[in-house]
Amino acid sequence: MSSKNILEIFGGNVQKYRKEKQISQEKLAEIAGVHRTYVGMIERAEKNITLRNMEKIAKALKVEIKDLLE
């Protein structure tokens, strides 16, 4: 495993897939049903995300949870 911690890996992948799909943090939050500031906190690895919210984010991005953890 790399030297990055799991929150940095997850947050970086959320940002990568969000940008690939050309959607804003606000739009992702709306689709996922979470607060808009929460997405930014996830992407900056400031928030320890729950499994439920991990699933919501993955579904909103139309990717598998495992894709956000690699």
PDB file of N, CA and C in Angstrom:
ATOM      1  N   MET A   1       0.841  -1.175   0.000  1.00  0.00           N
ATOM      2  CA  MET A   1       0.000   0.000   0.000  1.00  0.00           C
ATOM      3  C   MET A   1       0.888   1.240   0.000  1.00  0.00           C
ATOM      4  N   SER A   2       0.414   2.302  -0.597  1.00  0.00           N
ATOM      5  CA  SER A   2       1.211   3.526  -0.686  1.00  0.00           C
ATOM      6  C   SER A   2       1.304   4.215   0.672  1.00  0.00           C
ATOM      7  N   SER A   3       2.094   5.275   0.719  1.00  0.00           N
ATOM      8  CA  SER A   3       2.264   6.005   1.975  1.00  0.00           C
ATOM      9  C   SER A   3       1.055   6.881   2.303  1.00  0.00           C
ATOM     10  N   LYS A   4       0.153   7.066   1.364  1.00  0.00           N
ATOM     11  CA  LYS A   4      -1.062   7.843   1.624  1.00  0.00           C
ATOM     12  C   LYS A   4      -1.991   7.043   2.525  1.00  0.00           C
ATOM     13  N   ASN A   5      -2.688   7.747   3.399  1.00  0.00           N
ATOM     14  CA  ASN A   5      -3.649   7.025   4.228  1.00  0.00           C
ATOM     15  C   ASN A   5      -4.953   6.823   3.457  1.00  0.00           C
ATOM     16  N   ILE A   6      -5.815   6.019   3.983  1.00  0.00           N
ATOM     17  CA  ILE A   6      -7.051   5.629   3.291  1.00  0.00           C
ATOM     18  C   ILE A   6      -7.953   6.832   2.996  1.00  0.00           C
ATOM     19  N   LEU A   7      -7.970   7.824   3.881  1.00  0.00           N
ATOM     20  CA  LEU A   7      -8.793   9.014   3.647  1.00  0.00           C
ATOM     21  C   LEU A   7      -8.271   9.821   2.466  1.00  0.00           C
ATOM     22  N   GLU A   8      -6.950   9.915   2.338  1.00  0.00           N
ATOM     23  CA  GLU A   8      -6.349  10.633   1.207  1.00  0.00           C
ATOM     24  C   GLU A   8      -6.606   9.895  -0.106  1.00  0.00           C
ATOM     25  N   ILE A   9      -6.499   8.592  -0.070  1.00  0.00           N
ATOM     26  CA  ILE A   9      -6.757   7.784  -1.272  1.00  0.00           C
ATOM     27  C   ILE A   9      -8.210   7.947  -1.697  1.00  0.00           C
ATOM     28  N   PHE A  10      -9.119   7.766  -0.749  1.00  0.00           N
ATOM     29  CA  PHE A  10     -10.546   7.874  -1.058  1.00  0.00           C
ATOM     30  C   PHE A  10     -10.885   9.279  -1.571  1.00  0.00           C
ATOM     31  N   GLY A  11     -10.440  10.288  -0.855  1.00  0.00           N
ATOM     32  CA  GLY A  11     -10.735  11.664  -1.251  1.00  0.00           C
ATOM     33  C   GLY A  11     -10.172  12.021  -2.611  1.00  0.00           C
ATOM     34  N   GLY A  12      -8.956  11.579  -2.875  1.00  0.00           N
ATOM     35  CA  GLY A  12      -8.349  11.833  -4.180  1.00  0.00           C
ATOM     36  C   GLY A  12      -9.107  11.170  -5.308  1.00  0.00           C
ATOM     37  N   ASN A  13      -9.577   9.959  -5.059  1.00  0.00           N
ATOM     38  CA  ASN A  13     -10.340   9.249  -6.083  1.00  0.00           C
ATOM     39  C   ASN A  13     -11.719   9.861  -6.293  1.00  0.00           C
ATOM     40  N   VAL A  14     -12.355  10.321  -5.222  1.00  0.00           N
ATOM     41  CA  VAL A  14     -13.644  11.011  -5.371  1.00  0.00           C
ATOM     42  C   VAL A  14     -13.443  12.236  -6.270  1.00  0.00           C
ATOM     43  N   GLN A  15     -12.416  13.004  -5.976  1.00  0.00           N
ATOM     44  CA  GLN A  15     -12.143  14.203  -6.776  1.00  0.00           C
ATOM     45  C   GLN A  15     -11.839  13.845  -8.233  1.00  0.00           C
ATOM     46  N   LYS A  16     -11.038  12.804  -8.439  1.00  0.00           N
ATOM     47  CA  LYS A  16     -10.674  12.384  -9.793  1.00  0.00           C
ATOM     48  C   LYS A  16     -11.915  12.009 -10.605  1.00  0.00           C
ATOM     49  N   TYR A  17     -12.757  11.145 -10.046  1.00  0.00           N
ATOM     50  CA  TYR A  17     -13.955  10.720 -10.777  1.00  0.00           C
ATOM     51  C   TYR A  17     -14.953  11.867 -10.954  1.00  0.00           C
ATOM     52  N   ARG A  18     -15.052  12.736  -9.963  1.00  0.00           N
ATOM     53  CA  ARG A  18     -15.964  13.880 -10.065  1.00  0.00           C
ATOM     54  C   ARG A  18     -15.525  14.795 -11.208  1.00  0.00           C
ATOM     55  N   LYS A  19     -14.228  15.059 -11.279  1.00  0.00           N
ATOM     56  CA  LYS A  19     -13.718  15.932 -12.340  1.00  0.00           C
ATOM     57  C   LYS A  19     -13.838  15.273 -13.711  1.00  0.00           C
ATOM     58  N   GLU A  20     -13.609  13.964 -13.776  1.00  0.00           N
ATOM     59  CA  GLU A  20     -13.774  13.241 -15.046  1.00  0.00           C
ATOM     60  C   GLU A  20     -15.202  13.380 -15.561  1.00  0.00           C
ATOM     61  N   LYS A  21     -16.151  13.370 -14.645  1.00  0.00           N
ATOM     62  CA  LYS A  21     -17.567  13.479 -15.016  1.00  0.00           C
ATOM     63  C   LYS A  21     -18.016  14.937 -15.138  1.00  0.00           C
ATOM     64  N   GLN A  22     -17.082  15.842 -14.906  1.00  0.00           N
ATOM     65  CA  GLN A  22     -17.309  17.277 -15.033  1.00  0.00           C
ATOM     66  C   GLN A  22     -18.506  17.755 -14.214  1.00  0.00           C
ATOM     67  N   ILE A  23     -18.519  17.349 -12.947  1.00  0.00           N
ATOM     68  CA  ILE A  23     -19.562  17.840 -12.056  1.00  0.00           C
ATOM     69  C   ILE A  23     -18.911  18.542 -10.861  1.00  0.00           C
ATOM     70  N   SER A  24     -19.599  19.524 -10.344  1.00  0.00           N
ATOM     71  CA  SER A  24     -19.091  20.286  -9.204  1.00  0.00           C
ATOM     72  C   SER A  24     -19.275  19.493  -7.913  1.00  0.00           C
ATOM     73  N   GLN A  25     -18.599  19.963  -6.876  1.00  0.00           N
ATOM     74  CA  GLN A  25     -18.791  19.357  -5.561  1.00  0.00           C
ATOM     75  C   GLN A  25     -20.251  19.504  -5.135  1.00  0.00           C
ATOM     76  N   GLU A  26     -20.824  20.647  -5.437  1.00  0.00           N
ATOM     77  CA  GLU A  26     -22.221  20.899  -5.071  1.00  0.00           C
ATOM     78  C   GLU A  26     -23.169  19.924  -5.763  1.00  0.00           C
ATOM     79  N   LYS A  27     -22.923  19.685  -7.048  1.00  0.00           N
ATOM     80  CA  LYS A  27     -23.775  18.766  -7.806  1.00  0.00           C
ATOM     81  C   LYS A  27     -23.618  17.336  -7.289  1.00  0.00           C
ATOM     82  N   LEU A  28     -22.381  16.929  -7.004  1.00  0.00           N
ATOM     83  CA  LEU A  28     -22.156  15.592  -6.457  1.00  0.00           C
ATOM     84  C   LEU A  28     -22.889  15.441  -5.132  1.00  0.00           C
ATOM     85  N   ALA A  29     -22.791  16.458  -4.291  1.00  0.00           N
ATOM     86  CA  ALA A  29     -23.474  16.421  -2.998  1.00  0.00           C
ATOM     87  C   ALA A  29     -24.979  16.276  -3.183  1.00  0.00           C
ATOM     88  N   GLU A  30     -25.532  17.014  -4.130  1.00  0.00           N
ATOM     89  CA  GLU A  30     -26.970  16.942  -4.411  1.00  0.00           C
ATOM     90  C   GLU A  30     -27.376  15.539  -4.855  1.00  0.00           C
ATOM     91  N   ILE A  31     -26.617  14.977  -5.779  1.00  0.00           N
ATOM     92  CA  ILE A  31     -26.919  13.636  -6.299  1.00  0.00           C
ATOM     93  C   ILE A  31     -26.805  12.585  -5.195  1.00  0.00           C
ATOM     94  N   ALA A  32     -25.771  12.720  -4.355  1.00  0.00           N
ATOM     95  CA  ALA A  32     -25.507  11.739  -3.303  1.00  0.00           C
ATOM     96  C   ALA A  32     -26.389  11.931  -2.072  1.00  0.00           C
ATOM     97  N   GLY A  33     -26.999  13.100  -1.955  1.00  0.00           N
ATOM     98  CA  GLY A  33     -27.839  13.364  -0.795  1.00  0.00           C
ATOM     99  C   GLY A  33     -27.047  13.688   0.463  1.00  0.00           C
ATOM    100  N   VAL A  34     -25.927  14.386   0.276  1.00  0.00           N
ATOM    101  CA  VAL A  34     -25.111  14.825   1.406  1.00  0.00           C
ATOM    102  C   VAL A  34     -24.935  16.335   1.310  1.00  0.00           C
ATOM    103  N   HIS A  35     -24.423  16.947   2.361  1.00  0.00           N
ATOM    104  CA  HIS A  35     -24.218  18.396   2.368  1.00  0.00           C
ATOM    105  C   HIS A  35     -23.062  18.766   1.452  1.00  0.00           C
ATOM    106  N   ARG A  36     -23.157  19.916   0.821  1.00  0.00           N
ATOM    107  CA  ARG A  36     -22.139  20.321  -0.157  1.00  0.00           C
ATOM    108  C   ARG A  36     -20.753  20.466   0.457  1.00  0.00           C
ATOM    109  N   THR A  37     -20.668  20.944   1.694  1.00  0.00           N
ATOM    110  CA  THR A  37     -19.350  21.097   2.317  1.00  0.00           C
ATOM    111  C   THR A  37     -18.722  19.744   2.666  1.00  0.00           C
ATOM    112  N   TYR A  38     -19.560  18.735   2.827  1.00  0.00           N
ATOM    113  CA  TYR A  38     -19.095  17.390   3.154  1.00  0.00           C
ATOM    114  C   TYR A  38     -18.211  16.826   2.042  1.00  0.00           C
ATOM    115  N   VAL A  39     -18.595  17.068   0.789  1.00  0.00           N
ATOM    116  CA  VAL A  39     -17.815  16.559  -0.344  1.00  0.00           C
ATOM    117  C   VAL A  39     -16.414  17.170  -0.333  1.00  0.00           C
ATOM    118  N   GLY A  40     -16.325  18.465  -0.096  1.00  0.00           N
ATOM    119  CA  GLY A  40     -15.015  19.115  -0.022  1.00  0.00           C
ATOM    120  C   GLY A  40     -14.168  18.555   1.102  1.00  0.00           C
ATOM    121  N   MET A  41     -14.795  18.303   2.233  1.00  0.00           N
ATOM    122  CA  MET A  41     -14.069  17.741   3.378  1.00  0.00           C
ATOM    123  C   MET A  41     -13.568  16.329   3.070  1.00  0.00           C
ATOM    124  N   ILE A  42     -14.362  15.569   2.330  1.00  0.00           N
ATOM    125  CA  ILE A  42     -13.946  14.227   1.925  1.00  0.00           C
ATOM    126  C   ILE A  42     -12.746  14.320   0.980  1.00  0.00           C
ATOM    127  N   GLU A  43     -12.844  15.188  -0.010  1.00  0.00           N
ATOM    128  CA  GLU A  43     -11.775  15.324  -0.995  1.00  0.00           C
ATOM    129  C   GLU A  43     -10.475  15.810  -0.358  1.00  0.00           C
ATOM    130  N   ARG A  44     -10.561  16.584   0.705  1.00  0.00           N
ATOM    131  CA  ARG A  44      -9.367  17.074   1.406  1.00  0.00           C
ATOM    132  C   ARG A  44      -8.927  16.130   2.519  1.00  0.00           C
ATOM    133  N   ALA A  45      -9.573  14.986   2.635  1.00  0.00           N
ATOM    134  CA  ALA A  45      -9.259  13.964   3.647  1.00  0.00           C
ATOM    135  C   ALA A  45      -9.407  14.510   5.060  1.00  0.00           C
ATOM    136  N   GLU A  46     -10.397  15.366   5.256  1.00  0.00           N
ATOM    137  CA  GLU A  46     -10.656  15.949   6.571  1.00  0.00           C
ATOM    138  C   GLU A  46     -11.776  15.233   7.315  1.00  0.00           C
ATOM    139  N   LYS A  47     -12.475  14.353   6.632  1.00  0.00           N
ATOM    140  CA  LYS A  47     -13.646  13.702   7.213  1.00  0.00           C
ATOM    141  C   LYS A  47     -13.491  12.194   7.113  1.00  0.00           C
ATOM    142  N   ASN A  48     -13.762  11.503   8.210  1.00  0.00           N
ATOM    143  CA  ASN A  48     -13.754  10.046   8.228  1.00  0.00           C
ATOM    144  C   ASN A  48     -15.148   9.592   7.787  1.00  0.00           C
ATOM    145  N   ILE A  49     -15.274   9.224   6.554  1.00  0.00           N
ATOM    146  CA  ILE A  49     -16.565   8.927   5.928  1.00  0.00           C
ATOM    147  C   ILE A  49     -17.133   7.598   6.422  1.00  0.00           C
ATOM    148  N   THR A  50     -18.450   7.554   6.580  1.00  0.00           N
ATOM    149  CA  THR A  50     -19.114   6.310   6.973  1.00  0.00           C
ATOM    150  C   THR A  50     -19.294   5.409   5.754  1.00  0.00           C
ATOM    151  N   LEU A  51     -19.535   4.146   6.006  1.00  0.00           N
ATOM    152  CA  LEU A  51     -19.778   3.211   4.904  1.00  0.00           C
ATOM    153  C   LEU A  51     -21.027   3.597   4.118  1.00  0.00           C
ATOM    154  N   ARG A  52     -22.053   4.054   4.801  1.00  0.00           N
ATOM    155  CA  ARG A  52     -23.279   4.478   4.100  1.00  0.00           C
ATOM    156  C   ARG A  52     -23.002   5.621   3.142  1.00  0.00           C
ATOM    157  N   ASN A  53     -22.267   6.612   3.625  1.00  0.00           N
ATOM    158  CA  ASN A  53     -21.966   7.753   2.760  1.00  0.00           C
ATOM    159  C   ASN A  53     -20.985   7.374   1.658  1.00  0.00           C
ATOM    160  N   MET A  54     -20.108   6.425   1.934  1.00  0.00           N
ATOM    161  CA  MET A  54     -19.208   5.921   0.909  1.00  0.00           C
ATOM    162  C   MET A  54     -20.025   5.321  -0.240  1.00  0.00           C
ATOM    163  N   GLU A  55     -21.049   4.556   0.123  1.00  0.00           N
ATOM    164  CA  GLU A  55     -21.925   3.956  -0.883  1.00  0.00           C
ATOM    165  C   GLU A  55     -22.680   5.031  -1.661  1.00  0.00           C
ATOM    166  N   LYS A  56     -23.179   6.050  -0.981  1.00  0.00           N
ATOM    167  CA  LYS A  56     -23.903   7.139  -1.647  1.00  0.00           C
ATOM    168  C   LYS A  56     -23.016   7.853  -2.663  1.00  0.00           C
ATOM    169  N   ILE A  57     -21.786   8.138  -2.263  1.00  0.00           N
ATOM    170  CA  ILE A  57     -20.841   8.836  -3.145  1.00  0.00           C
ATOM    171  C   ILE A  57     -20.508   7.963  -4.357  1.00  0.00           C
ATOM    172  N   ALA A  58     -20.240   6.684  -4.121  1.00  0.00           N
ATOM    173  CA  ALA A  58     -19.924   5.771  -5.223  1.00  0.00           C
ATOM    174  C   ALA A  58     -21.088   5.679  -6.208  1.00  0.00           C
ATOM    175  N   LYS A  59     -22.303   5.545  -5.694  1.00  0.00           N
ATOM    176  CA  LYS A  59     -23.470   5.478  -6.574  1.00  0.00           C
ATOM    177  C   LYS A  59     -23.647   6.770  -7.363  1.00  0.00           C
ATOM    178  N   ALA A  60     -23.447   7.899  -6.700  1.00  0.00           N
ATOM    179  CA  ALA A  60     -23.587   9.191  -7.367  1.00  0.00           C
ATOM    180  C   ALA A  60     -22.560   9.353  -8.492  1.00  0.00           C
ATOM    181  N   LEU A  61     -21.361   8.798  -8.277  1.00  0.00           N
ATOM    182  CA  LEU A  61     -20.310   8.866  -9.296  1.00  0.00           C
ATOM    183  C   LEU A  61     -20.410   7.732 -10.316  1.00  0.00           C
ATOM    184  N   LYS A  62     -21.301   6.781 -10.052  1.00  0.00           N
ATOM    185  CA  LYS A  62     -21.498   5.611 -10.918  1.00  0.00           C
ATOM    186  C   LYS A  62     -20.217   4.791 -11.039  1.00  0.00           C
ATOM    187  N   VAL A  63     -19.601   4.554  -9.869  1.00  0.00           N
ATOM    188  CA  VAL A  63     -18.414   3.696  -9.791  1.00  0.00           C
ATOM    189  C   VAL A  63     -18.611   2.723  -8.639  1.00  0.00           C
ATOM    190  N   GLU A  64     -17.782   1.710  -8.593  1.00  0.00           N
ATOM    191  CA  GLU A  64     -17.805   0.753  -7.496  1.00  0.00           C
ATOM    192  C   GLU A  64     -17.048   1.353  -6.309  1.00  0.00           C
ATOM    193  N   ILE A  65     -17.436   0.986  -5.110  1.00  0.00           N
ATOM    194  CA  ILE A  65     -16.733   1.479  -3.920  1.00  0.00           C
ATOM    195  C   ILE A  65     -15.248   1.131  -4.010  1.00  0.00           C
ATOM    196  N   LYS A  66     -14.933  -0.057  -4.493  1.00  0.00           N
ATOM    197  CA  LYS A  66     -13.532  -0.474  -4.575  1.00  0.00           C
ATOM    198  C   LYS A  66     -12.707   0.471  -5.451  1.00  0.00           C
ATOM    199  N   ASP A  67     -13.347   1.065  -6.457  1.00  0.00           N
ATOM    200  CA  ASP A  67     -12.634   2.007  -7.333  1.00  0.00           C
ATOM    201  C   ASP A  67     -12.197   3.259  -6.567  1.00  0.00           C
ATOM    202  N   LEU A  68     -12.929   3.598  -5.532  1.00  0.00           N
ATOM    203  CA  LEU A  68     -12.606   4.783  -4.740  1.00  0.00           C
ATOM    204  C   LEU A  68     -11.547   4.489  -3.678  1.00  0.00           C
ATOM    205  N   LEU A  69     -11.236   3.220  -3.490  1.00  0.00           N
ATOM    206  CA  LEU A  69     -10.285   2.815  -2.457  1.00  0.00           C
ATOM    207  C   LEU A  69      -8.926   2.380  -3.021  1.00  0.00           C
ATOM    208  N   GLU A  70      -8.800   2.345  -4.315  1.00  0.00           N
ATOM    209  CA  GLU A  70      -7.559   1.870  -4.939  1.00  0.00           C
ATOM    210  C   GLU A  70      -6.617   3.022  -5.258  1.00  0.00           C
TER     211      GLU A  70
END
